[in-house]
Amino acid sequence: MITTQATPVHVVDSSASARESYCRLLQPLGYQVETHADAESFLKHVDPRTAGCLILDTALRGMSGGALYAHLHALNSPLAVIFSVSHGDIDTAVSLIKRGAVNYGIKPAREQPLLDSINHAIRLSQAQLAKTHARALVAGRLSKLTLRETQVLHQIVAGTHYAVIAANLGITKRTVEAHRRRIMDKLSAKTLPQLLQELAQVGWSSNTLD
């Protein structure tokens, strides 16, 4: 089982004392802490496709915290962001939360609320990464389907009866059933409900199979 401490906490803050403060708090508790003075250093050393919590200062030198967040969002990064803000920058943090950030904390951060936010962010990030991997796995399996199998799957997911699928595609019901068996084999599903549940969990629907 993956623990919250096994997933890194990245700190991007222009203040050296702030970075040291996070390390003093989190490292004795078992967290893997990685610090950066600016967004450029973070992007150079951290893979945005990995899970983790990012504590991000809104008032960075160079690329702003908001710009870095927008960049990560555009990449569909699973990193979960907690903004670190001054009293005068709360409105900015609130607007970023509305765009998907996990939370914000006012400097200096209070220990327990910060830890709660970090643990929540890591769990969200791990779940997002797992979902991304599941979607990629299903997409890879779907790519193995022939055009006809994709057409049949499209209608199966839509709940169309086999006899109707056969009439729609100009094939026999037995051929539809044969296509279904090959689809199940290629998608590594033992039962039709299992197949439909797996597709639904990763966001696939009859519309996404066009």
Protein backbone atom coordinates (compact mmCIF):
# COMPACT_ATOMS: atom_id res chain seq x y z
CA MET A 1 0.00 0.00 0.00
CA ILE A 2 1.36 3.43 -0.96
CA THR A 3 1.60 5.83 1.96
CA THR A 4 1.40 9.58 1.76
CA GLN A 5 4.99 9.82 2.99
CA ALA A 6 6.22 7.73 0.02
CA THR A 7 5.00 10.33 -2.48
CA PRO A 8 7.14 13.48 -2.76
CA VAL A 9 6.18 16.91 -1.51
CA HIS A 10 7.64 19.56 -3.80
CA VAL A 11 8.10 23.07 -2.43
CA VAL A 12 8.58 25.95 -4.86
CA ASP A 13 9.20 29.15 -2.92
CA SER A 14 11.52 32.11 -3.52
CA SER A 15 12.27 32.37 0.19
CA ALA A 16 15.12 30.17 1.41
CA SER A 17 13.84 30.41 4.98
CA ALA A 18 10.39 29.23 3.89
CA ARG A 19 11.90 26.25 2.07
CA GLU A 20 13.95 25.37 5.14
CA SER A 21 10.87 25.69 7.34
CA TYR A 22 8.95 23.16 5.25
CA CYS A 23 11.89 20.75 5.40
CA ARG A 24 12.19 21.07 9.19
CA LEU A 25 8.49 20.34 9.58
CA LEU A 26 7.97 17.57 7.04
CA GLN A 27 11.19 15.57 6.86
CA PRO A 28 11.12 14.37 10.53
CA LEU A 29 7.60 13.08 9.83
CA GLY A 30 8.88 10.91 6.99
CA TYR A 31 7.90 13.03 4.01
CA GLN A 32 10.16 13.13 0.96
CA VAL A 33 10.64 16.87 0.48
CA GLU A 34 12.16 18.45 -2.62
CA THR A 35 12.62 22.23 -2.72
CA HIS A 36 13.11 24.71 -5.55
CA ALA A 37 13.64 28.46 -5.55
CA ASP A 38 11.73 29.08 -8.78
CA ALA A 39 9.41 27.50 -11.33
CA GLU A 40 12.18 27.08 -13.87
CA SER A 41 14.22 24.89 -11.52
CA PHE A 42 11.15 22.85 -10.66
CA LEU A 43 10.34 22.17 -14.32
CA LYS A 44 13.96 21.23 -15.01
CA HIS A 45 14.17 18.62 -12.25
CA VAL A 46 10.63 17.27 -11.74
CA ASP A 47 8.66 15.03 -14.09
CA PRO A 48 5.14 16.56 -14.22
CA ARG A 49 3.69 13.13 -15.07
CA THR A 50 4.45 11.78 -11.58
CA ALA A 51 2.28 11.88 -8.48
CA GLY A 52 3.04 14.33 -5.71
CA CYS A 53 2.00 17.36 -3.73
CA LEU A 54 3.26 20.76 -4.85
CA ILE A 55 3.34 23.60 -2.33
CA LEU A 56 3.57 26.60 -4.61
CA ASP A 57 4.32 30.21 -3.72
CA THR A 58 2.16 32.61 -5.73
CA ALA A 59 4.84 35.35 -5.62
CA LEU A 60 7.74 33.62 -7.37
CA ARG A 61 10.54 35.40 -9.17
CA GLY A 62 10.49 34.77 -12.91
CA MET A 63 7.64 32.49 -13.92
CA SER A 64 4.79 33.13 -11.49
CA GLY A 65 3.10 30.48 -9.39
CA GLY A 66 -0.09 30.99 -11.34
CA ALA A 67 1.72 30.56 -14.65
CA LEU A 68 3.37 27.34 -13.43
CA TYR A 69 0.02 26.02 -12.29
CA ALA A 70 -1.52 26.82 -15.68
CA HIS A 71 1.37 25.01 -17.38
CA LEU A 72 0.88 21.89 -15.26
CA HIS A 73 -2.86 22.03 -15.81
CA ALA A 74 -2.34 22.15 -19.59
CA LEU A 75 -0.16 19.03 -19.31
CA ASN A 76 -2.88 17.21 -17.33
CA SER A 77 -0.27 16.69 -14.61
CA PRO A 78 -1.42 14.56 -11.65
CA LEU A 79 0.53 16.82 -9.26
CA ALA A 80 -1.86 18.29 -6.68
CA VAL A 81 -1.17 21.94 -5.87
CA ILE A 82 -1.45 23.80 -2.57
CA PHE A 83 -0.80 27.52 -2.92
CA SER A 84 1.20 29.39 -0.33
CA VAL A 85 0.09 33.01 -0.18
CA SER A 86 0.50 36.23 1.73
CA HIS A 87 -2.51 38.01 3.21
CA GLY A 88 -2.60 40.35 0.23
CA ASP A 89 -2.77 37.57 -2.36
CA ILE A 90 -5.72 35.53 -1.08
CA ASP A 91 -8.01 36.53 -3.96
CA THR A 92 -5.51 35.10 -6.44
CA ALA A 93 -5.32 31.81 -4.53
CA VAL A 94 -9.11 31.53 -4.35
CA SER A 95 -9.38 32.04 -8.10
CA LEU A 96 -6.80 29.29 -8.68
CA ILE A 97 -8.69 26.90 -6.43
CA LYS A 98 -11.74 27.47 -8.60
CA ARG A 99 -9.57 26.28 -11.51
CA GLY A 100 -8.65 23.04 -9.72
CA ALA A 101 -5.97 23.72 -7.09
CA VAL A 102 -6.42 21.67 -3.92
CA ASN A 103 -6.09 24.40 -1.28
CA TYR A 104 -4.14 27.42 -0.14
CA GLY A 105 -2.41 28.38 3.07
CA ILE A 106 -1.52 31.81 4.40
CA LYS A 107 2.11 32.34 5.37
CA PRO A 108 3.33 31.30 7.85
CA ALA A 109 1.40 28.03 7.48
CA ARG A 110 -0.19 26.45 10.53
CA GLU A 111 1.18 22.96 11.07
CA GLN A 112 -1.89 20.73 11.35
CA PRO A 113 -3.97 22.35 8.59
CA LEU A 114 -0.91 22.16 6.33
CA LEU A 115 -0.37 18.46 7.07
CA ASP A 116 -4.04 17.74 6.47
CA SER A 117 -3.90 19.56 3.14
CA ILE A 118 -0.72 17.75 2.09
CA ASN A 119 -2.13 14.31 2.89
CA HIS A 120 -5.32 15.13 1.03
CA ALA A 121 -3.37 16.43 -1.95
CA ILE A 122 -1.19 13.33 -2.13
CA ARG A 123 -4.19 11.02 -2.05
CA LEU A 124 -5.83 13.02 -4.83
CA SER A 125 -2.62 12.93 -6.87
CA GLN A 126 -2.19 9.18 -6.45
CA ALA A 127 -5.80 8.61 -7.50
CA GLN A 128 -5.39 10.87 -10.54
CA LEU A 129 -2.23 9.06 -11.61
CA ALA A 130 -3.92 5.67 -11.22
CA LYS A 131 -6.82 6.89 -13.34
CA THR A 132 -4.43 8.17 -16.00
CA HIS A 133 -2.64 4.81 -16.12
CA ALA A 134 -5.95 2.95 -16.32
CA ARG A 135 -7.13 5.17 -19.16
CA ALA A 136 -3.86 4.59 -21.04
CA LEU A 137 -4.18 0.83 -20.55
CA VAL A 138 -7.73 0.78 -21.88
CA ALA A 139 -6.79 3.07 -24.77
CA GLY A 140 -3.95 0.72 -25.70
CA ARG A 141 -6.28 -2.26 -25.69
CA LEU A 142 -8.92 -0.38 -27.67
CA SER A 143 -6.33 0.44 -30.33
CA LYS A 144 -6.06 -3.30 -31.05
CA LEU A 145 -9.69 -3.49 -32.17
CA THR A 146 -10.56 -3.63 -35.85
CA LEU A 147 -12.93 -1.04 -37.31
CA ARG A 148 -15.81 -3.53 -37.24
CA GLU A 149 -15.06 -4.51 -33.63
CA THR A 150 -15.02 -0.84 -32.67
CA GLN A 151 -18.41 -0.36 -34.35
CA VAL A 152 -19.82 -3.34 -32.45
CA LEU A 153 -18.34 -2.15 -29.14
CA HIS A 154 -19.77 1.31 -29.75
CA GLN A 155 -23.27 -0.15 -29.91
CA ILE A 156 -22.75 -2.61 -27.05
CA VAL A 157 -21.70 0.24 -24.76
CA ALA A 158 -24.78 2.17 -25.90
CA GLY A 159 -26.91 -0.78 -24.73
CA THR A 160 -28.08 -1.86 -28.18
CA HIS A 161 -29.49 -5.38 -28.44
CA TYR A 162 -27.39 -7.81 -30.49
CA ALA A 163 -30.17 -8.34 -33.02
CA VAL A 164 -30.41 -4.58 -33.56
CA ILE A 165 -26.62 -4.31 -33.88
CA ALA A 166 -26.72 -7.01 -36.54
CA ALA A 167 -29.43 -5.15 -38.48
CA ASN A 168 -27.61 -1.82 -38.12
CA LEU A 169 -24.33 -3.23 -39.44
CA GLY A 170 -25.78 -5.62 -42.01
CA ILE A 171 -24.33 -8.74 -40.38
CA THR A 172 -25.78 -11.74 -38.57
CA LYS A 173 -26.39 -11.93 -34.85
CA ARG A 174 -23.91 -14.82 -34.69
CA THR A 175 -21.27 -12.57 -36.25
CA VAL A 176 -22.02 -9.90 -33.66
CA GLU A 177 -21.50 -12.46 -30.92
CA ALA A 178 -18.20 -13.55 -32.51
CA HIS A 179 -17.05 -9.92 -32.60
CA ARG A 180 -18.06 -9.56 -28.96
CA ARG A 181 -15.92 -12.55 -27.96
CA ARG A 182 -12.89 -11.10 -29.74
CA ILE A 183 -13.53 -7.71 -28.13
CA MET A 184 -13.66 -9.31 -24.68
CA ASP A 185 -10.42 -11.15 -25.37
CA LYS A 186 -8.58 -8.07 -26.63
CA LEU A 187 -9.79 -5.95 -23.71
CA SER A 188 -9.00 -8.70 -21.15
CA ALA A 189 -12.54 -8.70 -19.76
CA LYS A 190 -14.17 -11.92 -18.53
CA THR A 191 -17.75 -10.66 -18.51
CA LEU A 192 -19.67 -7.94 -20.30
CA PRO A 193 -20.56 -6.12 -17.04
CA GLN A 194 -16.86 -6.12 -16.13
CA LEU A 195 -16.01 -4.64 -19.52
CA LEU A 196 -18.64 -1.92 -19.26
CA GLN A 197 -17.62 -1.08 -15.69
CA GLU A 198 -13.95 -0.81 -16.66
CA LEU A 199 -14.75 1.47 -19.59
CA ALA A 200 -17.04 3.63 -17.46
CA GLN A 201 -14.46 4.00 -14.67
CA VAL A 202 -11.95 5.57 -17.03
CA GLY A 203 -14.45 7.81 -18.79
CA TRP A 204 -15.18 5.77 -21.91
CA SER A 205 -18.67 5.87 -23.36
CA SER A 206 -20.34 5.11 -26.66
CA ASN A 207 -19.51 8.68 -27.75
CA THR A 208 -15.77 8.28 -27.10
CA LEU A 209 -15.55 5.24 -29.34
CA ASP A 210 -16.38 7.05 -32.57
